[in-house]
N, C-alpha and C. Protein backbone atom coordinates (compact mmCIF):
# COMPACT_ATOMS: atom_id res chain seq x y z
N UNK A 1 49.39 150.18 60.27
CA UNK A 1 50.17 150.10 61.48
C UNK A 1 50.39 151.47 62.09
N UNK A 2 50.96 151.48 63.20
CA UNK A 2 51.19 152.67 64.01
C UNK A 2 52.66 152.98 63.97
N UNK A 3 53.07 154.09 63.39
CA UNK A 3 54.48 154.27 63.04
C UNK A 3 55.21 155.38 63.80
N UNK A 4 54.70 155.85 64.94
CA UNK A 4 55.47 156.82 65.72
C UNK A 4 56.77 156.18 66.17
N UNK A 5 57.80 156.99 66.35
CA UNK A 5 59.08 156.54 66.91
C UNK A 5 59.63 157.65 67.81
N UNK A 6 60.60 157.31 68.64
CA UNK A 6 61.31 158.30 69.44
C UNK A 6 62.73 158.41 68.92
N UNK A 7 63.16 159.63 68.69
CA UNK A 7 64.52 159.88 68.24
C UNK A 7 65.39 160.39 69.37
N UNK A 8 66.64 160.66 69.05
CA UNK A 8 67.59 161.14 70.06
C UNK A 8 68.46 162.23 69.45
N UNK A 9 68.55 163.35 70.13
CA UNK A 9 69.45 164.43 69.75
C UNK A 9 70.54 164.53 70.81
N UNK A 10 71.77 164.82 70.39
CA UNK A 10 72.87 165.02 71.33
C UNK A 10 73.59 166.31 70.99
N UNK A 11 74.28 166.84 72.00
CA UNK A 11 75.09 168.05 71.83
C UNK A 11 76.28 167.95 72.76
N UNK A 12 77.36 168.60 72.41
CA UNK A 12 78.53 168.66 73.28
C UNK A 12 78.18 169.42 74.55
N UNK A 13 78.86 169.06 75.66
CA UNK A 13 78.60 169.72 76.94
C UNK A 13 78.78 171.23 76.88
N UNK A 14 79.75 171.68 76.11
CA UNK A 14 80.05 173.11 76.05
C UNK A 14 79.28 173.85 74.95
N UNK A 15 78.41 173.14 74.24
CA UNK A 15 77.71 173.73 73.10
C UNK A 15 76.65 174.73 73.54
N UNK A 16 76.31 175.64 72.66
CA UNK A 16 75.20 176.56 72.86
C UNK A 16 73.93 175.80 72.51
N UNK A 17 73.19 175.38 73.53
CA UNK A 17 72.02 174.54 73.30
C UNK A 17 70.87 175.27 72.61
N UNK A 18 70.93 176.59 72.55
CA UNK A 18 69.92 177.36 71.83
C UNK A 18 70.21 177.45 70.34
N UNK A 19 71.39 177.03 69.94
CA UNK A 19 71.78 177.04 68.53
C UNK A 19 71.38 175.70 67.90
N UNK A 20 70.44 175.69 66.97
CA UNK A 20 70.02 174.43 66.35
C UNK A 20 71.19 173.65 65.74
N UNK A 21 72.23 174.34 65.29
CA UNK A 21 73.38 173.67 64.70
C UNK A 21 74.23 172.90 65.69
N UNK A 22 73.99 173.09 66.98
CA UNK A 22 74.75 172.37 68.01
C UNK A 22 74.28 170.93 68.17
N UNK A 23 73.10 170.64 67.66
CA UNK A 23 72.48 169.34 67.90
C UNK A 23 72.75 168.37 66.75
N UNK A 24 72.95 167.09 67.10
CA UNK A 24 73.15 166.02 66.12
C UNK A 24 72.06 164.98 66.34
N UNK A 25 71.36 164.65 65.27
CA UNK A 25 70.28 163.65 65.33
C UNK A 25 70.86 162.25 65.18
N UNK A 26 70.42 161.34 66.05
CA UNK A 26 70.82 159.94 65.95
C UNK A 26 70.34 159.36 64.62
N UNK A 27 71.10 158.44 64.04
CA UNK A 27 70.76 157.86 62.73
C UNK A 27 69.51 156.99 62.76
N UNK A 28 69.19 156.41 63.90
CA UNK A 28 68.05 155.50 64.00
C UNK A 28 67.22 155.85 65.23
N UNK A 29 65.93 155.52 65.22
CA UNK A 29 65.11 155.77 66.40
C UNK A 29 65.62 154.98 67.61
N UNK A 30 65.42 155.54 68.79
CA UNK A 30 65.80 154.81 70.01
C UNK A 30 64.64 153.95 70.51
N UNK A 31 63.44 154.25 70.08
CA UNK A 31 62.27 153.40 70.32
C UNK A 31 61.41 153.43 69.07
N UNK A 32 60.99 152.26 68.63
CA UNK A 32 60.11 152.17 67.46
C UNK A 32 59.11 151.05 67.71
N UNK A 33 58.26 150.78 66.72
CA UNK A 33 57.29 149.70 66.91
C UNK A 33 57.94 148.33 66.89
N UNK A 34 59.23 148.25 66.61
CA UNK A 34 59.96 146.98 66.68
C UNK A 34 60.65 146.78 68.03
N UNK A 35 60.76 147.81 68.84
CA UNK A 35 61.61 147.79 70.03
C UNK A 35 61.13 146.84 71.13
N UNK A 36 59.87 146.92 71.50
CA UNK A 36 59.37 146.17 72.65
C UNK A 36 58.04 145.53 72.28
N UNK A 37 57.97 144.22 72.43
CA UNK A 37 56.73 143.50 72.11
C UNK A 37 55.59 144.03 72.98
N UNK A 38 54.47 144.32 72.34
CA UNK A 38 53.30 144.81 73.05
C UNK A 38 53.27 146.32 73.23
N UNK A 39 54.28 147.01 72.69
CA UNK A 39 54.30 148.48 72.73
C UNK A 39 54.63 148.97 71.32
N UNK A 40 53.61 149.42 70.62
CA UNK A 40 53.79 149.80 69.22
C UNK A 40 53.54 151.30 69.03
N UNK A 41 54.40 151.95 68.28
CA UNK A 41 54.25 153.36 67.98
C UNK A 41 54.51 154.28 69.16
N UNK A 42 55.65 154.12 69.86
CA UNK A 42 55.91 154.97 71.02
C UNK A 42 56.08 156.44 70.62
N UNK A 43 55.57 157.33 71.43
CA UNK A 43 55.71 158.74 71.13
C UNK A 43 55.41 159.63 72.33
N UNK A 44 55.60 160.93 72.15
CA UNK A 44 55.29 161.96 73.16
C UNK A 44 55.77 161.56 74.54
N UNK A 45 57.07 161.58 74.72
CA UNK A 45 57.65 161.10 75.97
C UNK A 45 58.01 162.22 76.94
N UNK A 46 58.25 161.82 78.18
CA UNK A 46 58.77 162.71 79.21
C UNK A 46 59.67 161.90 80.13
N UNK A 47 60.56 162.58 80.82
CA UNK A 47 61.46 161.92 81.75
C UNK A 47 61.17 162.40 83.17
N UNK A 48 61.39 161.52 84.14
CA UNK A 48 61.24 161.88 85.55
C UNK A 48 62.08 160.92 86.38
N UNK A 49 62.25 161.24 87.64
CA UNK A 49 62.96 160.35 88.57
C UNK A 49 61.95 159.75 89.53
N UNK A 50 62.10 158.44 89.79
CA UNK A 50 61.21 157.79 90.74
C UNK A 50 61.70 158.07 92.17
N UNK A 51 61.00 157.52 93.16
CA UNK A 51 61.34 157.78 94.57
C UNK A 51 62.75 157.31 94.93
N UNK A 52 63.28 156.34 94.19
CA UNK A 52 64.64 155.84 94.44
C UNK A 52 65.70 156.60 93.66
N UNK A 53 65.28 157.56 92.85
CA UNK A 53 66.23 158.35 92.07
C UNK A 53 66.53 157.79 90.69
N UNK A 54 65.86 156.71 90.30
CA UNK A 54 66.07 156.13 88.97
C UNK A 54 65.47 157.03 87.90
N UNK A 55 66.19 157.21 86.79
CA UNK A 55 65.66 157.96 85.66
C UNK A 55 64.65 157.09 84.93
N UNK A 56 63.46 157.62 84.73
CA UNK A 56 62.37 156.88 84.09
C UNK A 56 61.93 157.64 82.85
N UNK A 57 61.34 156.90 81.91
CA UNK A 57 60.73 157.50 80.73
C UNK A 57 59.27 157.05 80.68
N UNK A 58 58.38 157.99 80.40
CA UNK A 58 56.96 157.69 80.20
C UNK A 58 56.61 158.12 78.79
N UNK A 59 55.83 157.31 78.10
CA UNK A 59 55.43 157.62 76.73
C UNK A 59 54.14 156.89 76.41
N UNK A 60 53.51 157.26 75.32
CA UNK A 60 52.31 156.53 74.90
C UNK A 60 52.68 155.54 73.81
N UNK A 61 51.89 154.50 73.72
CA UNK A 61 52.07 153.47 72.69
C UNK A 61 50.73 152.77 72.52
N UNK A 62 50.69 151.84 71.60
CA UNK A 62 49.50 151.00 71.43
C UNK A 62 49.88 149.57 71.74
N UNK A 63 48.91 148.79 72.22
CA UNK A 63 49.18 147.40 72.61
C UNK A 63 49.18 146.44 71.43
N UNK A 64 48.63 146.86 70.30
CA UNK A 64 48.60 146.02 69.11
C UNK A 64 49.02 146.84 67.90
N UNK A 65 49.35 146.15 66.81
CA UNK A 65 49.71 146.85 65.58
C UNK A 65 48.47 147.42 64.88
N UNK A 66 47.29 146.92 65.25
CA UNK A 66 46.05 147.46 64.70
C UNK A 66 45.70 148.72 65.46
N UNK A 67 44.84 149.53 64.88
CA UNK A 67 44.43 150.75 65.57
C UNK A 67 43.75 150.38 66.88
N UNK A 68 44.29 150.85 67.97
CA UNK A 68 43.72 150.61 69.29
C UNK A 68 43.99 151.84 70.14
N UNK A 69 43.30 151.96 71.27
CA UNK A 69 43.55 153.13 72.12
C UNK A 69 45.02 153.17 72.59
N UNK A 70 45.52 154.37 72.75
CA UNK A 70 46.88 154.52 73.26
C UNK A 70 46.90 154.18 74.75
N UNK A 71 48.00 153.64 75.18
CA UNK A 71 48.20 153.37 76.59
C UNK A 71 49.51 154.03 77.02
N UNK A 72 49.72 154.12 78.31
CA UNK A 72 50.94 154.74 78.82
C UNK A 72 51.94 153.65 79.18
N UNK A 73 53.17 153.83 78.77
CA UNK A 73 54.26 152.92 79.13
C UNK A 73 55.25 153.70 79.98
N UNK A 74 55.74 153.05 81.02
CA UNK A 74 56.76 153.64 81.89
C UNK A 74 57.84 152.60 82.09
N UNK A 75 59.08 153.01 81.87
CA UNK A 75 60.19 152.08 82.09
C UNK A 75 61.43 152.83 82.55
N UNK A 76 62.31 152.08 83.20
CA UNK A 76 63.56 152.67 83.68
C UNK A 76 64.52 152.87 82.51
N UNK A 77 65.24 153.97 82.53
CA UNK A 77 66.26 154.24 81.51
C UNK A 77 67.59 153.70 82.03
N UNK A 78 68.23 152.89 81.22
CA UNK A 78 69.56 152.37 81.54
C UNK A 78 70.57 153.09 80.66
N UNK A 79 71.84 152.94 80.97
CA UNK A 79 72.89 153.58 80.18
C UNK A 79 73.96 152.57 79.83
N UNK A 80 74.42 152.62 78.57
CA UNK A 80 75.52 151.77 78.13
C UNK A 80 76.83 152.26 78.71
N UNK A 81 77.87 151.48 78.51
CA UNK A 81 79.20 151.84 79.03
C UNK A 81 79.69 153.17 78.50
N UNK A 82 79.25 153.52 77.30
CA UNK A 82 79.68 154.79 76.70
C UNK A 82 78.78 155.96 77.10
N UNK A 83 77.80 155.71 77.96
CA UNK A 83 76.91 156.76 78.42
C UNK A 83 75.65 156.94 77.59
N UNK A 84 75.51 156.15 76.53
CA UNK A 84 74.33 156.25 75.68
C UNK A 84 73.12 155.66 76.41
N UNK A 85 71.99 156.37 76.43
CA UNK A 85 70.81 155.84 77.10
C UNK A 85 70.24 154.64 76.36
N UNK A 86 69.73 153.69 77.14
CA UNK A 86 69.08 152.49 76.60
C UNK A 86 67.62 152.57 77.02
N UNK A 87 66.74 152.74 76.03
CA UNK A 87 65.32 152.92 76.31
C UNK A 87 64.50 151.64 76.12
N UNK A 88 65.05 150.66 75.42
CA UNK A 88 64.25 149.50 75.02
C UNK A 88 64.54 148.24 75.82
N UNK A 89 65.02 148.37 77.05
CA UNK A 89 65.29 147.19 77.85
C UNK A 89 63.97 146.61 78.34
N UNK A 90 63.75 145.34 78.05
CA UNK A 90 62.50 144.69 78.44
C UNK A 90 62.46 144.50 79.95
N UNK A 91 61.28 144.29 80.48
CA UNK A 91 61.13 144.05 81.92
C UNK A 91 61.94 142.83 82.35
N UNK A 92 62.01 141.82 81.49
CA UNK A 92 62.75 140.60 81.81
C UNK A 92 64.25 140.88 81.95
N UNK A 93 64.78 141.80 81.16
CA UNK A 93 66.20 142.14 81.23
C UNK A 93 66.49 143.21 82.28
N UNK A 94 65.48 143.97 82.66
CA UNK A 94 65.66 145.06 83.61
C UNK A 94 66.04 144.55 85.00
N UNK A 95 65.52 143.41 85.39
CA UNK A 95 65.77 142.86 86.71
C UNK A 95 66.04 141.38 86.60
N UNK A 96 67.13 140.93 87.21
CA UNK A 96 67.46 139.50 87.16
C UNK A 96 66.29 138.70 87.72
N UNK A 97 66.00 137.55 87.12
CA UNK A 97 64.85 136.74 87.50
C UNK A 97 64.85 136.40 88.99
N UNK A 98 66.01 136.08 89.53
CA UNK A 98 66.07 135.69 90.95
C UNK A 98 65.73 136.85 91.89
N UNK A 99 65.69 138.06 91.37
CA UNK A 99 65.35 139.22 92.20
C UNK A 99 63.89 139.66 92.03
N UNK A 100 63.12 138.94 91.23
CA UNK A 100 61.74 139.35 90.97
C UNK A 100 60.79 138.95 92.09
N UNK A 101 61.20 138.03 92.94
CA UNK A 101 60.37 137.63 94.08
C UNK A 101 61.16 137.93 95.35
N UNK A 102 60.55 138.70 96.22
CA UNK A 102 61.22 139.11 97.45
C UNK A 102 60.44 138.59 98.64
N UNK A 103 61.16 138.04 99.61
CA UNK A 103 60.55 137.54 100.83
C UNK A 103 61.16 138.32 101.99
N UNK A 104 60.30 138.76 102.90
CA UNK A 104 60.82 139.50 104.06
C UNK A 104 60.08 139.08 105.31
N UNK A 105 60.70 139.33 106.43
CA UNK A 105 60.11 139.04 107.73
C UNK A 105 60.13 140.32 108.55
N UNK A 106 59.03 140.61 109.21
CA UNK A 106 58.95 141.80 110.05
C UNK A 106 58.80 141.38 111.50
N UNK A 107 59.55 142.03 112.36
CA UNK A 107 59.43 141.78 113.80
C UNK A 107 58.79 143.02 114.41
N UNK A 108 57.65 142.82 115.06
CA UNK A 108 56.92 143.92 115.67
C UNK A 108 57.23 143.94 117.16
N UNK A 109 57.73 145.06 117.65
CA UNK A 109 58.03 145.19 119.08
C UNK A 109 57.34 146.42 119.62
N UNK A 110 57.18 146.44 120.94
CA UNK A 110 56.55 147.61 121.58
C UNK A 110 57.53 148.74 121.72
C-alpha cells in the first residue's frame, strides 16, 4: 500500500517561528490513506487561494491502494469552530446537494 500522510504543526501566535521548540506536532495525520475514498497516500502539499478567496490545498495521491501513478488532488480547506483546519471534507459534504446544479437566465441587450 501507499502510506504517505499529511501532518499538522501548530505554534502560538507570539511564538518565535524559527525556534523548532515553538512547534507542536498533531497526534494524528490530518490526511491519510483512510481519509478520502479514491485518494490514497496524500503527500507533498501546498496551499493557495482560488479566485473567490477560498483557501485551497493541492497534494498528490494515488487513485488505488495498489501502486499506480500519482495524481493531483485539490480541495477547499474548511475550518472547525475552534479554528482547526479540516482537510478531509468530501466533495459531497463540501457543497449541499441542492446547490450542485445551478440554473441561470441571461438577458442580452444592446
